[in-house]
Amino acid sequence: MLRAMLVCPGRGAYAKAELGWLNRFSAGNNAAQTVIRQADGLRQSAGRPLVSALDARADFSAATFLVGENAAALTFTATAVDLARLDADKVRPVCAVGNSMGWYSALYAAGALSFAETFTVIDEMGHLQGLGSGGQVLYPMTGDDWRIVPERVEAVERALADTGASWSIHLGGIAVLAGTDAQLAALLKALPPVKSGAAEYPFRLPRHAAFHTPLMAEMAAAGRAKLSGLDWRAPLVSMIDGRGA
C-alpha cells in the first residue's frame, strides 16, 4: 500500500493546456463521471455554465475561463476527478495540503466537507471575487538551478518597501505579491526584468484580486455570511496549511 500526501492546486491550475481534461480523464471511470455529474448539477442549480460544457469548448478564452467562478469550479472539479481515480486498494492518503483555493479542495480531500459542500464554498467564493480589489504579481527568486538568487530576494524586499505592496504567497521559489492597482503598476516598474524559459517576469496574473491580503476583507465577510451554515466535520486525515502547520 502506497502512503500518499494529497497536494491540491490553487486557482489557475486549469489553463489552456488542460482544456478537455475533465471529459477525457473521466471517460470509463464511474467515480470520476459521478463527480462531474454532481458538479454540473450544482452549477445548473446556480444558473452557471456546466463544468463539462466549459471543458468541452473548442477554444480557451480568458473572458470565460479566467472568470473567478468558472476558474475555481474547473480547478476543484479536476482535483476531485483526480481523487476519484485513485485506486483505494493501492493508495492510502495520509494527509492533504492545498495552496490558496486548493485549501478548500483539501477540506474535501481530507473529508472535512462533502463534495457538494466544498463545491458550494468554491463556487460562491469565486463568484464573490468581484468584491475584492487589486491583484497579484509573480516574480522568481530562484535561478534555472532552483537555487535562491540573493539579488532577486533583495529586489523583492526593496520593491515591497518602496511600493507598499505585500506578500500574497511564498510559492516555492516564486514570489506572489499583492496590492492595489497602483501598487502593482509600481511593482512592475521596480522589479528588474527576468526571463525564465519562455516566461518573462515580473508579470501580473490576469483576473486575480489581491488574495490573502486585507484588501479581500469585504469578500471574506460576505463569504462567511453566505457559508455560515456548512456542516464542518473533523478531517479523516491530517491537513497541513500554507504555513506548514
Foldseek 3Di string as FASTA:
>chain_A
DAEDEAEAEDQPPCAFVCQLVLVVLCPPQPQLVVLQVLQQVLCVVVVHDRLVVRSPDPGTDCVPCVQQLNRQSNSLSVSSSVVSPDDPVVYDYFEYEYDFLRLLSRCCVQVQADSNLSNVLRNLLSVLQVQFAWFKKKDFQADPVLDGDVVQVVLVVVLCVVLVWAFAAPPRRMTIITDHNSSVVSSQVSHDWDDDPPDIDTDTDPPGGRHNDCSCVVSVVVSCVVSVPGDTDDGNHHYAYRVRD
